[in-house]
Amino acid sequence: MELTHFDKSGAVHMVDVGSKEISQRVAVAGGEISMQPETFRLIMDKEVAKGDVLEVARIAGIMAAKRVDSLIPLCHQLNLTSIKVTYEPKPADSIIKFMVRVKTSGKTGVEMEALTAASIVGLTIYDMCKAVDRDMTIGNIRLLEKMGGKSGHYIRKEELKK
């Protein structure tokens, strides 16, 4: 395994994907945010003064996935064909799990788009609720699944157990 963003002399470069085959690419990333029970209730009951927290975070995640090339220096511009943000609230633990699925038909993968979007979903939830709960914790941002391209299909081991 080698780091592809460095040439033989150690200089940074953007990987040339020009000769790669176009294929369907999918990446799924997830994360979670834990909070006080009252904060969880406010979010779920849509009583946060700034608005519907999860819908605003969904839009923020979608917007973030579309802008990764301007945030991460060596990422390619991609024509994304689908971005989906979903939530799995865990009331007993006052945790909201979130998942982002990104698709494209192209020459390079969409892992960074999915991971960036998941990070921004968590940050947006925090931003919208920080006035009532500064102890929220965003975590467990990770790639869950990747499909397409030369390296094939990847599923995170703990996801296989579900």
C-alpha atoms as a PDB file:
ATOM      1  CA  MET A   1       0.000   0.000   0.000  1.00  0.00           C
ATOM      2  CA  GLU A   2       1.337   3.433  -0.913  1.00  0.00           C
ATOM      3  CA  LEU A   3       0.262   7.006  -0.338  1.00  0.00           C
ATOM      4  CA  THR A   4      -0.988   8.245  -3.690  1.00  0.00           C
ATOM      5  CA  HIS A   5      -0.838  11.989  -3.043  1.00  0.00           C
ATOM      6  CA  PHE A   6       2.977  12.078  -3.065  1.00  0.00           C
ATOM      7  CA  ASP A   7       5.323  11.532  -5.989  1.00  0.00           C
ATOM      8  CA  LYS A   8       8.627   9.635  -5.779  1.00  0.00           C
ATOM      9  CA  SER A   9      10.466  12.730  -4.518  1.00  0.00           C
ATOM     10  CA  GLY A  10       7.887  13.378  -1.792  1.00  0.00           C
ATOM     11  CA  ALA A  11       6.186  16.315  -3.498  1.00  0.00           C
ATOM     12  CA  VAL A  12       2.422  16.594  -3.057  1.00  0.00           C
ATOM     13  CA  HIS A  13       0.295  16.214  -6.185  1.00  0.00           C
ATOM     14  CA  MET A  14      -3.293  15.638  -7.168  1.00  0.00           C
ATOM     15  CA  VAL A  15      -3.726  12.054  -8.354  1.00  0.00           C
ATOM     16  CA  ASP A  16      -4.280  11.756 -12.116  1.00  0.00           C
ATOM     17  CA  VAL A  17      -7.498   9.779 -12.579  1.00  0.00           C
ATOM     18  CA  GLY A  18      -7.712  10.470 -16.312  1.00  0.00           C
ATOM     19  CA  SER A  19      -7.020   6.891 -17.396  1.00  0.00           C
ATOM     20  CA  LYS A  20      -9.344   5.284 -14.833  1.00  0.00           C
ATOM     21  CA  GLU A  21     -12.615   3.713 -15.932  1.00  0.00           C
ATOM     22  CA  ILE A  22     -15.890   5.445 -15.149  1.00  0.00           C
ATOM     23  CA  SER A  23     -17.936   3.383 -12.711  1.00  0.00           C
ATOM     24  CA  GLN A  24     -20.751   3.765 -10.232  1.00  0.00           C
ATOM     25  CA  ARG A  25     -19.259   4.933  -6.928  1.00  0.00           C
ATOM     26  CA  VAL A  26     -21.017   4.882  -3.569  1.00  0.00           C
ATOM     27  CA  ALA A  27     -19.770   5.750  -0.108  1.00  0.00           C
ATOM     28  CA  VAL A  28     -21.617   5.633   3.196  1.00  0.00           C
ATOM     29  CA  ALA A  29     -20.333   7.404   6.296  1.00  0.00           C
ATOM     30  CA  GLY A  30     -21.806   7.640   9.752  1.00  0.00           C
ATOM     31  CA  GLY A  31     -21.455   9.434  13.027  1.00  0.00           C
ATOM     32  CA  GLU A  32     -23.359  10.361  16.146  1.00  0.00           C
ATOM     33  CA  ILE A  33     -23.962  13.163  18.598  1.00  0.00           C
ATOM     34  CA  SER A  34     -24.755  12.646  22.260  1.00  0.00           C
ATOM     35  CA  MET A  35     -26.522  15.245  24.351  1.00  0.00           C
ATOM     36  CA  GLN A  36     -28.535  15.928  27.474  1.00  0.00           C
ATOM     37  CA  PRO A  37     -31.990  14.277  27.531  1.00  0.00           C
ATOM     38  CA  GLU A  38     -33.727  17.674  27.415  1.00  0.00           C
ATOM     39  CA  THR A  39     -31.744  18.681  24.315  1.00  0.00           C
ATOM     40  CA  PHE A  40     -32.716  15.406  22.664  1.00  0.00           C
ATOM     41  CA  ARG A  41     -36.380  16.073  23.499  1.00  0.00           C
ATOM     42  CA  LEU A  42     -36.218  19.620  22.101  1.00  0.00           C
ATOM     43  CA  ILE A  43     -34.750  18.338  18.835  1.00  0.00           C
ATOM     44  CA  MET A  44     -37.208  15.478  18.457  1.00  0.00           C
ATOM     45  CA  ASP A  45     -40.196  17.681  19.350  1.00  0.00           C
ATOM     46  CA  LYS A  46     -38.944  20.393  16.944  1.00  0.00           C
ATOM     47  CA  GLU A  47     -38.903  22.979  19.728  1.00  0.00           C
ATOM     48  CA  VAL A  48     -35.402  24.409  19.208  1.00  0.00           C
ATOM     49  CA  ALA A  49     -35.741  28.171  18.643  1.00  0.00           C
ATOM     50  CA  LYS A  50     -33.537  28.116  15.509  1.00  0.00           C
ATOM     51  CA  GLY A  51     -35.854  25.687  13.705  1.00  0.00           C
ATOM     52  CA  ASP A  52     -36.048  22.018  12.727  1.00  0.00           C
ATOM     53  CA  VAL A  53     -32.537  20.937  13.704  1.00  0.00           C
ATOM     54  CA  LEU A  54     -32.420  17.676  11.776  1.00  0.00           C
ATOM     55  CA  GLU A  55     -33.721  19.180   8.543  1.00  0.00           C
ATOM     56  CA  VAL A  56     -31.242  22.054   8.702  1.00  0.00           C
ATOM     57  CA  ALA A  57     -28.441  19.549   9.417  1.00  0.00           C
ATOM     58  CA  ARG A  58     -29.613  17.434   6.464  1.00  0.00           C
ATOM     59  CA  ILE A  59     -29.335  20.435   4.116  1.00  0.00           C
ATOM     60  CA  ALA A  60     -25.929  21.353   5.598  1.00  0.00           C
ATOM     61  CA  GLY A  61     -24.663  17.798   4.985  1.00  0.00           C
ATOM     62  CA  ILE A  62     -25.856  17.876   1.389  1.00  0.00           C
ATOM     63  CA  MET A  63     -24.221  21.249   0.810  1.00  0.00           C
ATOM     64  CA  ALA A  64     -20.962  20.056   2.409  1.00  0.00           C
ATOM     65  CA  ALA A  65     -20.738  16.969   0.193  1.00  0.00           C
ATOM     66  CA  LYS A  66     -21.002  19.217  -2.864  1.00  0.00           C
ATOM     67  CA  ARG A  67     -18.103  21.432  -1.706  1.00  0.00           C
ATOM     68  CA  VAL A  68     -15.421  18.955  -0.638  1.00  0.00           C
ATOM     69  CA  ASP A  69     -13.045  19.913  -3.446  1.00  0.00           C
ATOM     70  CA  SER A  70     -12.866  23.459  -2.030  1.00  0.00           C
ATOM     71  CA  LEU A  71     -12.244  22.216   1.537  1.00  0.00           C
ATOM     72  CA  ILE A  72      -9.755  19.372   1.093  1.00  0.00           C
ATOM     73  CA  PRO A  73      -6.860  20.427  -1.142  1.00  0.00           C
ATOM     74  CA  LEU A  74      -6.277  17.266  -3.196  1.00  0.00           C
ATOM     75  CA  CYS A  75      -9.879  16.146  -3.729  1.00  0.00           C
ATOM     76  CA  HIS A  76     -11.239  16.163  -7.269  1.00  0.00           C
ATOM     77  CA  GLN A  77     -14.371  18.020  -8.303  1.00  0.00           C
ATOM     78  CA  LEU A  78     -17.109  15.442  -8.635  1.00  0.00           C
ATOM     79  CA  ASN A  79     -20.516  15.476 -10.255  1.00  0.00           C
ATOM     80  CA  LEU A  80     -22.511  13.881  -7.452  1.00  0.00           C
ATOM     81  CA  THR A  81     -25.683  12.106  -8.506  1.00  0.00           C
ATOM     82  CA  SER A  82     -27.222  11.518  -5.072  1.00  0.00           C
ATOM     83  CA  ILE A  83     -26.718  12.569  -1.453  1.00  0.00           C
ATOM     84  CA  LYS A  84     -28.946  11.131   1.252  1.00  0.00           C
ATOM     85  CA  VAL A  85     -28.800  11.966   4.974  1.00  0.00           C
ATOM     86  CA  THR A  86     -30.695   9.741   7.408  1.00  0.00           C
ATOM     87  CA  TYR A  87     -31.078   9.690  11.194  1.00  0.00           C
ATOM     88  CA  GLU A  88     -31.481   7.035  13.846  1.00  0.00           C
ATOM     89  CA  PRO A  89     -32.497   8.621  17.166  1.00  0.00           C
ATOM     90  CA  LYS A  90     -31.646   6.625  20.310  1.00  0.00           C
ATOM     91  CA  PRO A  91     -33.949   8.079  23.001  1.00  0.00           C
ATOM     92  CA  ALA A  92     -32.683   5.866  25.840  1.00  0.00           C
ATOM     93  CA  ASP A  93     -29.153   7.234  25.384  1.00  0.00           C
ATOM     94  CA  SER A  94     -29.984  10.766  24.131  1.00  0.00           C
ATOM     95  CA  ILE A  95     -27.955  10.065  21.000  1.00  0.00           C
ATOM     96  CA  ILE A  96     -28.753  10.825  17.387  1.00  0.00           C
ATOM     97  CA  LYS A  97     -26.919   8.630  14.918  1.00  0.00           C
ATOM     98  CA  PHE A  98     -26.654   9.909  11.361  1.00  0.00           C
ATOM     99  CA  MET A  99     -25.660   8.359   8.078  1.00  0.00           C
ATOM    100  CA  VAL A 100     -24.758   9.923   4.731  1.00  0.00           C
ATOM    101  CA  ARG A 101     -24.861   8.016   1.429  1.00  0.00           C
ATOM    102  CA  VAL A 102     -23.217   9.688  -1.567  1.00  0.00           C
ATOM    103  CA  LYS A 103     -23.244   8.459  -5.180  1.00  0.00           C
ATOM    104  CA  THR A 104     -21.557   9.419  -8.416  1.00  0.00           C
ATOM    105  CA  SER A 105     -20.667   7.911 -11.730  1.00  0.00           C
ATOM    106  CA  GLY A 106     -17.032   8.778 -12.191  1.00  0.00           C
ATOM    107  CA  LYS A 107     -13.341   7.965 -12.062  1.00  0.00           C
ATOM    108  CA  THR A 108     -12.735   8.443  -8.341  1.00  0.00           C
ATOM    109  CA  GLY A 109     -14.575   7.585  -5.157  1.00  0.00           C
ATOM    110  CA  VAL A 110     -16.837   9.632  -2.922  1.00  0.00           C
ATOM    111  CA  GLU A 111     -15.541   8.626   0.504  1.00  0.00           C
ATOM    112  CA  MET A 112     -14.369  12.140   1.364  1.00  0.00           C
ATOM    113  CA  GLU A 113     -17.714  13.585   0.330  1.00  0.00           C
ATOM    114  CA  ALA A 114     -19.590  11.186   2.613  1.00  0.00           C
ATOM    115  CA  LEU A 115     -17.191  11.703   5.543  1.00  0.00           C
ATOM    116  CA  THR A 116     -17.226  15.489   5.205  1.00  0.00           C
ATOM    117  CA  ALA A 117     -21.007  15.555   4.996  1.00  0.00           C
ATOM    118  CA  ALA A 118     -21.304  13.374   8.112  1.00  0.00           C
ATOM    119  CA  SER A 119     -18.957  15.709  10.002  1.00  0.00           C
ATOM    120  CA  ILE A 120     -20.982  18.762   8.974  1.00  0.00           C
ATOM    121  CA  VAL A 121     -24.262  17.108   9.979  1.00  0.00           C
ATOM    122  CA  GLY A 122     -22.884  16.653  13.507  1.00  0.00           C
ATOM    123  CA  LEU A 123     -21.435  20.165  13.625  1.00  0.00           C
ATOM    124  CA  THR A 124     -24.712  21.685  12.448  1.00  0.00           C
ATOM    125  CA  ILE A 125     -26.707  19.891  15.133  1.00  0.00           C
ATOM    126  CA  TYR A 126     -24.196  21.172  17.684  1.00  0.00           C
ATOM    127  CA  ASP A 127     -24.385  24.725  16.329  1.00  0.00           C
ATOM    128  CA  MET A 128     -28.167  24.805  16.419  1.00  0.00           C
ATOM    129  CA  CYS A 129     -28.344  23.495  19.997  1.00  0.00           C
ATOM    130  CA  LYS A 130     -25.251  24.950  21.678  1.00  0.00           C
ATOM    131  CA  ALA A 131     -27.314  27.632  23.445  1.00  0.00           C
ATOM    132  CA  VAL A 132     -29.025  24.926  25.503  1.00  0.00           C
ATOM    133  CA  ASP A 133     -26.293  22.252  25.681  1.00  0.00           C
ATOM    134  CA  ARG A 134     -22.580  22.924  25.306  1.00  0.00           C
ATOM    135  CA  ASP A 135     -21.768  19.403  26.537  1.00  0.00           C
ATOM    136  CA  MET A 136     -22.879  17.709  23.319  1.00  0.00           C
ATOM    137  CA  THR A 137     -20.271  15.335  21.910  1.00  0.00           C
ATOM    138  CA  ILE A 138     -19.862  14.589  18.216  1.00  0.00           C
ATOM    139  CA  GLY A 139     -18.091  11.353  17.472  1.00  0.00           C
ATOM    140  CA  ASN A 140     -17.587   8.078  15.711  1.00  0.00           C
ATOM    141  CA  ILE A 141     -17.344   9.668  12.252  1.00  0.00           C
ATOM    142  CA  ARG A 142     -16.297   6.777  10.011  1.00  0.00           C
ATOM    143  CA  LEU A 143     -16.596   5.176   6.601  1.00  0.00           C
ATOM    144  CA  LEU A 144     -19.203   2.415   6.772  1.00  0.00           C
ATOM    145  CA  GLU A 145     -19.221   1.205   3.184  1.00  0.00           C
ATOM    146  CA  LYS A 146     -17.616   1.927  -0.180  1.00  0.00           C
ATOM    147  CA  MET A 147     -18.556   0.472  -3.559  1.00  0.00           C
ATOM    148  CA  GLY A 148     -17.090   0.861  -7.023  1.00  0.00           C
ATOM    149  CA  GLY A 149     -13.673   1.400  -8.458  1.00  0.00           C
ATOM    150  CA  LYS A 150     -10.536  -0.703  -8.589  1.00  0.00           C
ATOM    151  CA  SER A 151     -10.425  -1.470  -4.858  1.00  0.00           C
ATOM    152  CA  GLY A 152     -13.920  -2.971  -4.937  1.00  0.00           C
ATOM    153  CA  HIS A 153     -16.497  -3.270  -2.183  1.00  0.00           C
ATOM    154  CA  TYR A 154     -15.622  -2.412   1.426  1.00  0.00           C
ATOM    155  CA  ILE A 155     -17.901  -2.833   4.425  1.00  0.00           C
ATOM    156  CA  ARG A 156     -16.735  -1.902   7.914  1.00  0.00           C
ATOM    157  CA  LYS A 157     -16.501  -5.059  10.000  1.00  0.00           C
ATOM    158  CA  GLU A 158     -18.921  -3.997  12.733  1.00  0.00           C
ATOM    159  CA  GLU A 159     -21.495  -3.126  10.053  1.00  0.00           C
ATOM    160  CA  LEU A 160     -21.383  -6.727   8.809  1.00  0.00           C
ATOM    161  CA  LYS A 161     -22.638  -7.905  12.214  1.00  0.00           C
ATOM    162  CA  LYS A 162     -25.856  -5.869  11.955  1.00  0.00           C
END
